[in-house]
PDB file of N, CA and C in Angstrom:
ATOM      1  N   MET A   1     -49.653 -23.087  54.059  1.00  0.00           N
ATOM      2  CA  MET A   1     -48.488 -22.550  53.447  1.00  0.00           C
ATOM      3  C   MET A   1     -48.880 -21.582  52.354  1.00  0.00           C
ATOM      4  N   ALA A   2     -48.177 -20.464  52.347  1.00  0.00           N
ATOM      5  CA  ALA A   2     -48.495 -19.448  51.347  1.00  0.00           C
ATOM      6  C   ALA A   2     -47.669 -19.706  50.097  1.00  0.00           C
ATOM      7  N   THR A   3     -48.290 -19.563  48.944  1.00  0.00           N
ATOM      8  CA  THR A   3     -47.579 -19.767  47.684  1.00  0.00           C
ATOM      9  C   THR A   3     -47.155 -18.424  47.123  1.00  0.00           C
ATOM     10  N   LYS A   4     -45.956 -18.432  46.581  1.00  0.00           N
ATOM     11  CA  LYS A   4     -45.464 -17.192  45.989  1.00  0.00           C
ATOM     12  C   LYS A   4     -45.893 -17.129  44.543  1.00  0.00           C
ATOM     13  N   LYS A   5     -46.232 -15.926  44.139  1.00  0.00           N
ATOM     14  CA  LYS A   5     -46.592 -15.726  42.734  1.00  0.00           C
ATOM     15  C   LYS A   5     -45.319 -15.452  41.947  1.00  0.00           C
ATOM     16  N   LYS A   6     -45.300 -15.998  40.776  1.00  0.00           N
ATOM     17  CA  LYS A   6     -44.175 -15.721  39.887  1.00  0.00           C
ATOM     18  C   LYS A   6     -44.364 -14.323  39.328  1.00  0.00           C
ATOM     19  N   PRO A   7     -43.263 -13.586  39.199  1.00  0.00           N
ATOM     20  CA  PRO A   7     -43.422 -12.254  38.608  1.00  0.00           C
ATOM     21  C   PRO A   7     -43.829 -12.377  37.142  1.00  0.00           C
ATOM     22  N   ALA A   8     -44.651 -11.475  36.728  1.00  0.00           N
ATOM     23  CA  ALA A   8     -45.131 -11.484  35.345  1.00  0.00           C
ATOM     24  C   ALA A   8     -43.972 -11.135  34.415  1.00  0.00           C
ATOM     25  N   LYS A   9     -43.960 -11.733  33.244  1.00  0.00           N
ATOM     26  CA  LYS A   9     -42.907 -11.456  32.257  1.00  0.00           C
ATOM     27  C   LYS A   9     -43.077 -10.035  31.755  1.00  0.00           C
ATOM     28  N   LYS A  10     -41.936  -9.384  31.602  1.00  0.00           N
ATOM     29  CA  LYS A  10     -41.975  -8.021  31.097  1.00  0.00           C
ATOM     30  C   LYS A  10     -42.129  -8.044  29.581  1.00  0.00           C
ATOM     31  N   ALA A  11     -42.753  -7.013  29.076  1.00  0.00           N
ATOM     32  CA  ALA A  11     -42.927  -6.897  27.636  1.00  0.00           C
ATOM     33  C   ALA A  11     -41.563  -6.651  26.991  1.00  0.00           C
ATOM     34  N   ALA A  12     -41.383  -7.095  25.767  1.00  0.00           N
ATOM     35  CA  ALA A  12     -40.117  -6.919  25.053  1.00  0.00           C
ATOM     36  C   ALA A  12     -39.821  -5.432  24.906  1.00  0.00           C
ATOM     37  N   LYS A  13     -38.545  -5.078  25.149  1.00  0.00           N
ATOM     38  CA  LYS A  13     -38.155  -3.673  25.051  1.00  0.00           C
ATOM     39  C   LYS A  13     -38.065  -3.242  23.600  1.00  0.00           C
ATOM     40  N   LYS A  14     -38.361  -1.981  23.380  1.00  0.00           N
ATOM     41  CA  LYS A  14     -38.180  -1.417  22.055  1.00  0.00           C
ATOM     42  C   LYS A  14     -36.702  -1.097  21.887  1.00  0.00           C
ATOM     43  N   PRO A  15     -36.184  -1.147  20.668  1.00  0.00           N
ATOM     44  CA  PRO A  15     -34.767  -0.822  20.487  1.00  0.00           C
ATOM     45  C   PRO A  15     -34.501   0.620  20.912  1.00  0.00           C
ATOM     46  N   ALA A  16     -33.345   0.827  21.507  1.00  0.00           N
ATOM     47  CA  ALA A  16     -32.980   2.158  21.968  1.00  0.00           C
ATOM     48  C   ALA A  16     -32.867   3.104  20.780  1.00  0.00           C
ATOM     49  N   ARG A  17     -33.142   4.363  21.042  1.00  0.00           N
ATOM     50  CA  ARG A  17     -33.095   5.359  19.961  1.00  0.00           C
ATOM     51  C   ARG A  17     -31.694   5.492  19.375  1.00  0.00           C
ATOM     52  N   LYS A  18     -30.685   5.395  20.232  1.00  0.00           N
ATOM     53  CA  LYS A  18     -29.303   5.521  19.754  1.00  0.00           C
ATOM     54  C   LYS A  18     -28.970   4.416  18.762  1.00  0.00           C
ATOM     55  N   ALA A  19     -29.398   3.219  19.052  1.00  0.00           N
ATOM     56  CA  ALA A  19     -29.125   2.096  18.150  1.00  0.00           C
ATOM     57  C   ALA A  19     -29.791   2.310  16.807  1.00  0.00           C
ATOM     58  N   VAL A  20     -30.998   2.833  16.813  1.00  0.00           N
ATOM     59  CA  VAL A  20     -31.732   3.093  15.560  1.00  0.00           C
ATOM     60  C   VAL A  20     -31.001   4.164  14.758  1.00  0.00           C
ATOM     61  N   LYS A  21     -30.512   5.208  15.440  1.00  0.00           N
ATOM     62  CA  LYS A  21     -29.798   6.279  14.747  1.00  0.00           C
ATOM     63  C   LYS A  21     -28.502   5.762  14.123  1.00  0.00           C
ATOM     64  N   LYS A  22     -27.777   4.871  14.838  1.00  0.00           N
ATOM     65  CA  LYS A  22     -26.534   4.319  14.310  1.00  0.00           C
ATOM     66  C   LYS A  22     -26.781   3.523  13.041  1.00  0.00           C
ATOM     67  N   VAL A  23     -27.836   2.743  13.045  1.00  0.00           N
ATOM     68  CA  VAL A  23     -28.175   1.940  11.865  1.00  0.00           C
ATOM     69  C   VAL A  23     -28.511   2.859  10.694  1.00  0.00           C
ATOM     70  N   ALA A  24     -29.225   3.930  10.962  1.00  0.00           N
ATOM     71  CA  ALA A  24     -29.593   4.872   9.903  1.00  0.00           C
ATOM     72  C   ALA A  24     -28.354   5.567   9.343  1.00  0.00           C
ATOM     73  N   LYS A  25     -27.405   5.933  10.217  1.00  0.00           N
ATOM     74  CA  LYS A  25     -26.173   6.577   9.755  1.00  0.00           C
ATOM     75  C   LYS A  25     -25.348   5.645   8.887  1.00  0.00           C
ATOM     76  N   LYS A  26     -25.237   4.374   9.285  1.00  0.00           N
ATOM     77  CA  LYS A  26     -24.479   3.399   8.497  1.00  0.00           C
ATOM     78  C   LYS A  26     -25.092   3.221   7.122  1.00  0.00           C
ATOM     79  N   ALA A  27     -26.406   3.172   7.062  1.00  0.00           N
ATOM     80  CA  ALA A  27     -27.091   3.016   5.776  1.00  0.00           C
ATOM     81  C   ALA A  27     -26.839   4.232   4.898  1.00  0.00           C
ATOM     82  N   ALA A  28     -26.820   5.418   5.494  1.00  0.00           N
ATOM     83  CA  ALA A  28     -26.579   6.640   4.730  1.00  0.00           C
ATOM     84  C   ALA A  28     -25.154   6.672   4.191  1.00  0.00           C
ATOM     85  N   LYS A  29     -24.197   6.200   4.991  1.00  0.00           N
ATOM     86  CA  LYS A  29     -22.799   6.176   4.541  1.00  0.00           C
ATOM     87  C   LYS A  29     -22.619   5.231   3.364  1.00  0.00           C
ATOM     88  N   LYS A  30     -23.247   4.078   3.417  1.00  0.00           N
ATOM     89  CA  LYS A  30     -23.109   3.102   2.344  1.00  0.00           C
ATOM     90  C   LYS A  30     -23.735   3.603   1.049  1.00  0.00           C
ATOM     91  N   ALA A  31     -24.780   4.378   1.155  1.00  0.00           N
ATOM     92  CA  ALA A  31     -25.496   4.850  -0.024  1.00  0.00           C
ATOM     93  C   ALA A  31     -24.725   5.957  -0.746  1.00  0.00           C
ATOM     94  N   ALA A  32     -23.935   6.730  -0.013  1.00  0.00           N
ATOM     95  CA  ALA A  32     -23.206   7.851  -0.615  1.00  0.00           C
ATOM     96  C   ALA A  32     -22.083   7.323  -1.500  1.00  0.00           C
ATOM     97  N   PRO A  33     -21.956   7.809  -2.752  1.00  0.00           N
ATOM     98  CA  PRO A  33     -20.877   7.353  -3.636  1.00  0.00           C
ATOM     99  C   PRO A  33     -19.537   7.903  -3.159  1.00  0.00           C
ATOM    100  N   LYS A  34     -18.482   7.088  -3.291  1.00  0.00           N
ATOM    101  CA  LYS A  34     -17.149   7.500  -2.862  1.00  0.00           C
ATOM    102  C   LYS A  34     -16.464   8.273  -3.979  1.00  0.00           C
ATOM    103  N   LYS A  35     -15.661   9.256  -3.581  1.00  0.00           N
ATOM    104  CA  LYS A  35     -14.880  10.022  -4.550  1.00  0.00           C
ATOM    105  C   LYS A  35     -13.623   9.238  -4.881  1.00  0.00           C
ATOM    106  N   LYS A  36     -13.207   9.286  -6.140  1.00  0.00           N
ATOM    107  CA  LYS A  36     -11.982   8.614  -6.543  1.00  0.00           C
ATOM    108  C   LYS A  36     -10.801   9.476  -6.109  1.00  0.00           C
ATOM    109  N   ARG A  37      -9.790   8.829  -5.519  1.00  0.00           N
ATOM    110  CA  ARG A  37      -8.625   9.567  -5.061  1.00  0.00           C
ATOM    111  C   ARG A  37      -7.820  10.093  -6.231  1.00  0.00           C
ATOM    112  N   ALA A  38      -7.457  11.345  -6.153  1.00  0.00           N
ATOM    113  CA  ALA A  38      -6.630  11.950  -7.195  1.00  0.00           C
ATOM    114  C   ALA A  38      -5.167  11.685  -6.850  1.00  0.00           C
ATOM    115  N   PRO A  39      -4.345  11.288  -7.837  1.00  0.00           N
ATOM    116  CA  PRO A  39      -2.934  11.036  -7.551  1.00  0.00           C
ATOM    117  C   PRO A  39      -2.213  12.333  -7.206  1.00  0.00           C
ATOM    118  N   ASN A  40      -1.206  12.227  -6.360  1.00  0.00           N
ATOM    119  CA  ASN A  40      -0.407  13.377  -5.967  1.00  0.00           C
ATOM    120  C   ASN A  40       0.429  13.825  -7.170  1.00  0.00           C
ATOM    121  N   PRO A  41       0.340  15.093  -7.559  1.00  0.00           N
ATOM    122  CA  PRO A  41       1.095  15.557  -8.734  1.00  0.00           C
ATOM    123  C   PRO A  41       2.609  15.390  -8.603  1.00  0.00           C
ATOM    124  N   ALA A  42       3.135  15.389  -7.384  1.00  0.00           N
ATOM    125  CA  ALA A  42       4.579  15.229  -7.196  1.00  0.00           C
ATOM    126  C   ALA A  42       5.047  13.846  -7.650  1.00  0.00           C
ATOM    127  N   PHE A  43       4.198  12.837  -7.478  1.00  0.00           N
ATOM    128  CA  PHE A  43       4.563  11.490  -7.917  1.00  0.00           C
ATOM    129  C   PHE A  43       4.485  11.360  -9.435  1.00  0.00           C
ATOM    130  N   MET A  44       3.664  12.166 -10.069  1.00  0.00           N
ATOM    131  CA  MET A  44       3.469  12.041 -11.512  1.00  0.00           C
ATOM    132  C   MET A  44       4.452  12.889 -12.323  1.00  0.00           C
ATOM    133  N   LYS A  45       5.284  13.685 -11.644  1.00  0.00           N
ATOM    134  CA  LYS A  45       6.264  14.533 -12.333  1.00  0.00           C
ATOM    135  C   LYS A  45       7.331  13.653 -12.974  1.00  0.00           C
ATOM    136  N   ALA A  46       7.580  13.876 -14.270  1.00  0.00           N
ATOM    137  CA  ALA A  46       8.594  13.091 -14.990  1.00  0.00           C
ATOM    138  C   ALA A  46       9.981  13.483 -14.496  1.00  0.00           C
ATOM    139  N   MET A  47      10.776  12.469 -14.141  1.00  0.00           N
ATOM    140  CA  MET A  47      12.128  12.703 -13.653  1.00  0.00           C
ATOM    141  C   MET A  47      13.113  11.902 -14.486  1.00  0.00           C
ATOM    142  N   THR A  48      14.324  12.439 -14.647  1.00  0.00           N
ATOM    143  CA  THR A  48      15.347  11.790 -15.460  1.00  0.00           C
ATOM    144  C   THR A  48      16.220  10.900 -14.577  1.00  0.00           C
ATOM    145  N   PRO A  49      16.328   9.609 -14.910  1.00  0.00           N
ATOM    146  CA  PRO A  49      17.188   8.716 -14.117  1.00  0.00           C
ATOM    147  C   PRO A  49      18.666   8.945 -14.417  1.00  0.00           C
ATOM    148  N   SER A  50      19.521   8.627 -13.448  1.00  0.00           N
ATOM    149  CA  SER A  50      20.970   8.728 -13.645  1.00  0.00           C
ATOM    150  C   SER A  50      21.405   7.645 -14.642  1.00  0.00           C
ATOM    151  N   ALA A  51      22.662   7.696 -15.060  1.00  0.00           N
ATOM    152  CA  ALA A  51      23.170   6.724 -16.045  1.00  0.00           C
ATOM    153  C   ALA A  51      23.101   5.296 -15.508  1.00  0.00           C
ATOM    154  N   VAL A  52      23.417   5.108 -14.223  1.00  0.00           N
ATOM    155  CA  VAL A  52      23.403   3.771 -13.620  1.00  0.00           C
ATOM    156  C   VAL A  52      21.972   3.233 -13.563  1.00  0.00           C
ATOM    157  N   LEU A  53      21.053   4.056 -13.102  1.00  0.00           N
ATOM    158  CA  LEU A  53      19.646   3.648 -13.031  1.00  0.00           C
ATOM    159  C   LEU A  53      19.051   3.518 -14.430  1.00  0.00           C
ATOM    160  N   GLY A  54      19.478   4.374 -15.349  1.00  0.00           N
ATOM    161  CA  GLY A  54      18.996   4.329 -16.727  1.00  0.00           C
ATOM    162  C   GLY A  54      19.351   3.039 -17.442  1.00  0.00           C
ATOM    163  N   SER A  55      20.452   2.408 -17.047  1.00  0.00           N
ATOM    164  CA  SER A  55      20.827   1.137 -17.676  1.00  0.00           C
ATOM    165  C   SER A  55      19.844   0.022 -17.320  1.00  0.00           C
ATOM    166  N   ILE A  56      19.086   0.203 -16.251  1.00  0.00           N
ATOM    167  CA  ILE A  56      18.121  -0.807 -15.818  1.00  0.00           C
ATOM    168  C   ILE A  56      16.705  -0.483 -16.295  1.00  0.00           C
ATOM    169  N   VAL A  57      16.278   0.773 -16.117  1.00  0.00           N
ATOM    170  CA  VAL A  57      14.876   1.132 -16.410  1.00  0.00           C
ATOM    171  C   VAL A  57      14.710   1.934 -17.701  1.00  0.00           C
ATOM    172  N   GLY A  58      15.794   2.405 -18.288  1.00  0.00           N
ATOM    173  CA  GLY A  58      15.703   3.225 -19.495  1.00  0.00           C
ATOM    174  C   GLY A  58      16.050   4.668 -19.171  1.00  0.00           C
ATOM    175  N   ASN A  59      16.506   5.403 -20.179  1.00  0.00           N
ATOM    176  CA  ASN A  59      16.997   6.766 -19.957  1.00  0.00           C
ATOM    177  C   ASN A  59      15.949   7.855 -20.129  1.00  0.00           C
ATOM    178  N   SER A  60      14.775   7.528 -20.621  1.00  0.00           N
ATOM    179  CA  SER A  60      13.763   8.559 -20.857  1.00  0.00           C
ATOM    180  C   SER A  60      13.156   9.035 -19.536  1.00  0.00           C
ATOM    181  N   PRO A  61      12.779  10.311 -19.440  1.00  0.00           N
ATOM    182  CA  PRO A  61      12.140  10.825 -18.222  1.00  0.00           C
ATOM    183  C   PRO A  61      10.802  10.122 -17.974  1.00  0.00           C
ATOM    184  N   MET A  62      10.555   9.748 -16.734  1.00  0.00           N
ATOM    185  CA  MET A  62       9.313   9.069 -16.357  1.00  0.00           C
ATOM    186  C   MET A  62       9.011   9.357 -14.898  1.00  0.00           C
ATOM    187  N   PRO A  63       7.750   9.188 -14.496  1.00  0.00           N
ATOM    188  CA  PRO A  63       7.397   9.422 -13.087  1.00  0.00           C
ATOM    189  C   PRO A  63       8.098   8.429 -12.166  1.00  0.00           C
ATOM    190  N   ARG A  64       8.263   8.840 -10.926  1.00  0.00           N
ATOM    191  CA  ARG A  64       8.916   8.019  -9.904  1.00  0.00           C
ATOM    192  C   ARG A  64       8.217   6.663  -9.751  1.00  0.00           C
ATOM    193  N   THR A  65       6.886   6.664  -9.825  1.00  0.00           N
ATOM    194  CA  THR A  65       6.128   5.419  -9.667  1.00  0.00           C
ATOM    195  C   THR A  65       6.440   4.438 -10.790  1.00  0.00           C
ATOM    196  N   GLU A  66       6.624   4.958 -11.989  1.00  0.00           N
ATOM    197  CA  GLU A  66       6.937   4.104 -13.141  1.00  0.00           C
ATOM    198  C   GLU A  66       8.339   3.510 -13.003  1.00  0.00           C
ATOM    199  N   VAL A  67       9.271   4.290 -12.458  1.00  0.00           N
ATOM    200  CA  VAL A  67      10.635   3.801 -12.248  1.00  0.00           C
ATOM    201  C   VAL A  67      10.620   2.615 -11.285  1.00  0.00           C
ATOM    202  N   VAL A  68       9.855   2.745 -10.195  1.00  0.00           N
ATOM    203  CA  VAL A  68       9.774   1.666  -9.201  1.00  0.00           C
ATOM    204  C   VAL A  68       9.123   0.426  -9.825  1.00  0.00           C
ATOM    205  N   LYS A  69       8.093   0.619 -10.645  1.00  0.00           N
ATOM    206  CA  LYS A  69       7.444  -0.523 -11.326  1.00  0.00           C
ATOM    207  C   LYS A  69       8.439  -1.253 -12.220  1.00  0.00           C
ATOM    208  N   LYS A  70       9.231  -0.493 -12.968  1.00  0.00           N
ATOM    209  CA  LYS A  70      10.207  -1.111 -13.871  1.00  0.00           C
ATOM    210  C   LYS A  70      11.316  -1.820 -13.095  1.00  0.00           C
ATOM    211  N   MET A  71      11.695  -1.275 -11.957  1.00  0.00           N
ATOM    212  CA  MET A  71      12.700  -1.931 -11.116  1.00  0.00           C
ATOM    213  C   MET A  71      12.175  -3.276 -10.631  1.00  0.00           C
ATOM    214  N   TRP A  72      10.913  -3.302 -10.175  1.00  0.00           N
ATOM    215  CA  TRP A  72      10.334  -4.559  -9.699  1.00  0.00           C
ATOM    216  C   TRP A  72      10.191  -5.564 -10.840  1.00  0.00           C
ATOM    217  N   ALA A  73       9.865  -5.080 -12.033  1.00  0.00           N
ATOM    218  CA  ALA A  73       9.777  -5.976 -13.188  1.00  0.00           C
ATOM    219  C   ALA A  73      11.141  -6.604 -13.465  1.00  0.00           C
ATOM    220  N   TYR A  74      12.199  -5.801 -13.382  1.00  0.00           N
ATOM    221  CA  TYR A  74      13.566  -6.297 -13.593  1.00  0.00           C
ATOM    222  C   TYR A  74      13.936  -7.318 -12.512  1.00  0.00           C
ATOM    223  N   ILE A  75      13.608  -7.008 -11.260  1.00  0.00           N
ATOM    224  CA  ILE A  75      13.940  -7.892 -10.136  1.00  0.00           C
ATOM    225  C   ILE A  75      13.226  -9.233 -10.277  1.00  0.00           C
ATOM    226  N   LYS A  76      11.958  -9.200 -10.619  1.00  0.00           N
ATOM    227  CA  LYS A  76      11.189 -10.447 -10.737  1.00  0.00           C
ATOM    228  C   LYS A  76      11.602 -11.242 -11.977  1.00  0.00           C
ATOM    229  N   LYS A  77      11.910 -10.536 -13.076  1.00  0.00           N
ATOM    230  CA  LYS A  77      12.329 -11.213 -14.303  1.00  0.00           C
ATOM    231  C   LYS A  77      13.623 -11.993 -14.071  1.00  0.00           C
ATOM    232  N   ASN A  78      14.550 -11.391 -13.330  1.00  0.00           N
ATOM    233  CA  ASN A  78      15.842 -12.014 -13.076  1.00  0.00           C
ATOM    234  C   ASN A  78      15.884 -12.804 -11.768  1.00  0.00           C
ATOM    235  N   LYS A  79      14.733 -12.956 -11.098  1.00  0.00           N
ATOM    236  CA  LYS A  79      14.600 -13.729  -9.850  1.00  0.00           C
ATOM    237  C   LYS A  79      15.629 -13.290  -8.809  1.00  0.00           C
ATOM    238  N   LEU A  80      15.625 -11.996  -8.510  1.00  0.00           N
ATOM    239  CA  LEU A  80      16.596 -11.433  -7.580  1.00  0.00           C
ATOM    240  C   LEU A  80      16.040 -11.255  -6.164  1.00  0.00           C
ATOM    241  N   GLN A  81      14.765 -11.583  -5.948  1.00  0.00           N
ATOM    242  CA  GLN A  81      14.197 -11.508  -4.605  1.00  0.00           C
ATOM    243  C   GLN A  81      14.730 -12.672  -3.787  1.00  0.00           C
ATOM    244  N   ASP A  82      15.087 -12.422  -2.546  1.00  0.00           N
ATOM    245  CA  ASP A  82      15.605 -13.470  -1.676  1.00  0.00           C
ATOM    246  C   ASP A  82      14.524 -14.523  -1.441  1.00  0.00           C
ATOM    247  N   ALA A  83      14.886 -15.794  -1.495  1.00  0.00           N
ATOM    248  CA  ALA A  83      13.910 -16.878  -1.365  1.00  0.00           C
ATOM    249  C   ALA A  83      13.334 -16.971   0.046  1.00  0.00           C
ATOM    250  N   VAL A  84      14.149 -16.721   1.050  1.00  0.00           N
ATOM    251  CA  VAL A  84      13.695 -16.848   2.443  1.00  0.00           C
ATOM    252  C   VAL A  84      12.971 -15.584   2.895  1.00  0.00           C
ATOM    253  N   ASN A  85      13.616 -14.445   2.762  1.00  0.00           N
ATOM    254  CA  ASN A  85      13.038 -13.168   3.165  1.00  0.00           C
ATOM    255  C   ASN A  85      12.721 -12.366   1.905  1.00  0.00           C
ATOM    256  N   ARG A  86      11.472 -12.370   1.481  1.00  0.00           N
ATOM    257  CA  ARG A  86      11.074 -11.780   0.198  1.00  0.00           C
ATOM    258  C   ARG A  86      11.223 -10.255   0.171  1.00  0.00           C
ATOM    259  N   ARG A  87      11.445  -9.633   1.315  1.00  0.00           N
ATOM    260  CA  ARG A  87      11.636  -8.186   1.351  1.00  0.00           C
ATOM    261  C   ARG A  87      13.042  -7.776   0.939  1.00  0.00           C
ATOM    262  N   MET A  88      13.933  -8.740   0.883  1.00  0.00           N
ATOM    263  CA  MET A  88      15.321  -8.444   0.536  1.00  0.00           C
ATOM    264  C   MET A  88      15.561  -8.706  -0.948  1.00  0.00           C
ATOM    265  N   ILE A  89      16.398  -7.867  -1.549  1.00  0.00           N
ATOM    266  CA  ILE A  89      16.712  -7.979  -2.968  1.00  0.00           C
ATOM    267  C   ILE A  89      18.207  -8.262  -3.102  1.00  0.00           C
ATOM    268  N   ASN A  90      18.525  -9.352  -3.794  1.00  0.00           N
ATOM    269  CA  ASN A  90      19.914  -9.726  -4.049  1.00  0.00           C
ATOM    270  C   ASN A  90      20.364  -9.006  -5.314  1.00  0.00           C
ATOM    271  N   ALA A  91      21.502  -8.346  -5.247  1.00  0.00           N
ATOM    272  CA  ALA A  91      21.971  -7.541  -6.368  1.00  0.00           C
ATOM    273  C   ALA A  91      22.766  -8.378  -7.370  1.00  0.00           C
ATOM    274  N   ASP A  92      22.452  -8.169  -8.674  1.00  0.00           N
ATOM    275  CA  ASP A  92      23.303  -8.725  -9.727  1.00  0.00           C
ATOM    276  C   ASP A  92      24.306  -7.623 -10.084  1.00  0.00           C
ATOM    277  N   GLU A  93      25.032  -7.752 -11.182  1.00  0.00           N
ATOM    278  CA  GLU A  93      26.066  -6.767 -11.528  1.00  0.00           C
ATOM    279  C   GLU A  93      25.498  -5.367 -11.717  1.00  0.00           C
ATOM    280  N   LYS A  94      24.375  -5.251 -12.442  1.00  0.00           N
ATOM    281  CA  LYS A  94      23.784  -3.932 -12.684  1.00  0.00           C
ATOM    282  C   LYS A  94      23.287  -3.297 -11.384  1.00  0.00           C
ATOM    283  N   LEU A  95      22.621  -4.085 -10.559  1.00  0.00           N
ATOM    284  CA  LEU A  95      22.078  -3.545  -9.315  1.00  0.00           C
ATOM    285  C   LEU A  95      23.177  -3.248  -8.291  1.00  0.00           C
ATOM    286  N   ARG A  96      24.266  -4.010  -8.328  1.00  0.00           N
ATOM    287  CA  ARG A  96      25.364  -3.757  -7.401  1.00  0.00           C
ATOM    288  C   ARG A  96      25.971  -2.371  -7.666  1.00  0.00           C
ATOM    289  N   ALA A  97      26.031  -1.972  -8.941  1.00  0.00           N
ATOM    290  CA  ALA A  97      26.528  -0.643  -9.285  1.00  0.00           C
ATOM    291  C   ALA A  97      25.595   0.445  -8.745  1.00  0.00           C
ATOM    292  N   LEU A  98      24.314   0.139  -8.699  1.00  0.00           N
ATOM    293  CA  LEU A  98      23.321   1.092  -8.200  1.00  0.00           C
ATOM    294  C   LEU A  98      23.296   1.122  -6.671  1.00  0.00           C
ATOM    295  N   PHE A  99      23.277  -0.045  -6.040  1.00  0.00           N
ATOM    296  CA  PHE A  99      23.125  -0.152  -4.586  1.00  0.00           C
ATOM    297  C   PHE A  99      24.441  -0.012  -3.817  1.00  0.00           C
ATOM    298  N   ASN A 100      25.546  -0.378  -4.433  1.00  0.00           N
ATOM    299  CA  ASN A 100      26.855  -0.457  -3.774  1.00  0.00           C
ATOM    300  C   ASN A 100      26.861  -1.470  -2.636  1.00  0.00           C
ATOM    301  N   LYS A 101      25.991  -2.466  -2.711  1.00  0.00           N
ATOM    302  CA  LYS A 101      25.880  -3.542  -1.720  1.00  0.00           C
ATOM    303  C   LYS A 101      25.472  -4.815  -2.436  1.00  0.00           C
ATOM    304  N   ALA A 102      25.609  -5.939  -1.755  1.00  0.00           N
ATOM    305  CA  ALA A 102      25.190  -7.219  -2.325  1.00  0.00           C
ATOM    306  C   ALA A 102      23.697  -7.458  -2.117  1.00  0.00           C
ATOM    307  N   GLN A 103      23.113  -6.862  -1.056  1.00  0.00           N
ATOM    308  CA  GLN A 103      21.707  -7.086  -0.748  1.00  0.00           C
ATOM    309  C   GLN A 103      21.130  -5.850  -0.060  1.00  0.00           C
ATOM    310  N   VAL A 104      19.898  -5.460  -0.454  1.00  0.00           N
ATOM    311  CA  VAL A 104      19.200  -4.331   0.184  1.00  0.00           C
ATOM    312  C   VAL A 104      17.749  -4.730   0.436  1.00  0.00           C
ATOM    313  N   SER A 105      17.093  -4.014   1.352  1.00  0.00           N
ATOM    314  CA  SER A 105      15.669  -4.255   1.581  1.00  0.00           C
ATOM    315  C   SER A 105      14.874  -3.468   0.548  1.00  0.00           C
ATOM    316  N   MET A 106      13.622  -3.836   0.359  1.00  0.00           N
ATOM    317  CA  MET A 106      12.806  -3.154  -0.645  1.00  0.00           C
ATOM    318  C   MET A 106      12.563  -1.694  -0.261  1.00  0.00           C
ATOM    319  N   PHE A 107      12.566  -1.379   1.037  1.00  0.00           N
ATOM    320  CA  PHE A 107      12.372  -0.002   1.476  1.00  0.00           C
ATOM    321  C   PHE A 107      13.630   0.823   1.210  1.00  0.00           C
ATOM    322  N   GLU A 108      14.773   0.208   1.427  1.00  0.00           N
ATOM    323  CA  GLU A 108      16.049   0.860   1.163  1.00  0.00           C
ATOM    324  C   GLU A 108      16.225   1.088  -0.341  1.00  0.00           C
ATOM    325  N   MET A 109      15.683   0.162  -1.141  1.00  0.00           N
ATOM    326  CA  MET A 109      15.783   0.285  -2.593  1.00  0.00           C
ATOM    327  C   MET A 109      15.099   1.564  -3.081  1.00  0.00           C
ATOM    328  N   THR A 110      13.905   1.854  -2.595  1.00  0.00           N
ATOM    329  CA  THR A 110      13.197   3.061  -3.047  1.00  0.00           C
ATOM    330  C   THR A 110      13.947   4.318  -2.622  1.00  0.00           C
ATOM    331  N   LYS A 111      14.567   4.274  -1.459  1.00  0.00           N
ATOM    332  CA  LYS A 111      15.367   5.401  -0.990  1.00  0.00           C
ATOM    333  C   LYS A 111      16.553   5.639  -1.922  1.00  0.00           C
ATOM    334  N   ILE A 112      17.206   4.561  -2.353  1.00  0.00           N
ATOM    335  CA  ILE A 112      18.353   4.656  -3.262  1.00  0.00           C
ATOM    336  C   ILE A 112      17.900   5.152  -4.637  1.00  0.00           C
ATOM    337  N   ILE A 113      16.761   4.662  -5.101  1.00  0.00           N
ATOM    338  CA  ILE A 113      16.232   5.072  -6.409  1.00  0.00           C
ATOM    339  C   ILE A 113      15.987   6.589  -6.410  1.00  0.00           C
ATOM    340  N   ASN A 114      15.430   7.115  -5.334  1.00  0.00           N
ATOM    341  CA  ASN A 114      15.140   8.543  -5.254  1.00  0.00           C
ATOM    342  C   ASN A 114      16.390   9.389  -5.365  1.00  0.00           C
ATOM    343  N   LYS A 115      17.514   8.873  -4.865  1.00  0.00           N
ATOM    344  CA  LYS A 115      18.776   9.614  -4.969  1.00  0.00           C
ATOM    345  C   LYS A 115      19.281   9.652  -6.407  1.00  0.00           C
ATOM    346  N   HIS A 116      18.858   8.691  -7.240  1.00  0.00           N
ATOM    347  CA  HIS A 116      19.319   8.605  -8.623  1.00  0.00           C
ATOM    348  C   HIS A 116      18.358   9.249  -9.626  1.00  0.00           C
ATOM    349  N   LEU A 117      17.371   9.973  -9.117  1.00  0.00           N
ATOM    350  CA  LEU A 117      16.424  10.680  -9.999  1.00  0.00           C
ATOM    351  C   LEU A 117      16.617  12.184  -9.875  1.00  0.00           C
ATOM    352  N   LYS A 118      16.562  12.876 -11.027  1.00  0.00           N
ATOM    353  CA  LYS A 118      16.696  14.346 -11.023  1.00  0.00           C
ATOM    354  C   LYS A 118      15.483  14.967 -11.663  1.00  0.00           C
TER     355      LYS A 118
END
């Protein structure tokens, strides 16, 4: 009976050139310092709130981003966020005058705020 020879084990392969290049590119990306994002000047422009909005956030001109921050501070201070769906805001007397509704979503709120800024 003839015996079969086992095939010899192949030598370990060298890593492919593409894989080596990818690793080098990733290392280069991590080493490069990131630039800090500059804020959009349109958001930083001071705008005057209407009388209704001014009763909540103040009457002095301020950037749109600051108005939204103050609105959220007012909402959280008075616990006006809906307990079940946190995206919804329940209006108290001041907010009802602004929203003309009993409840609005947080996305709808920013849309309404923009209409009350000049």
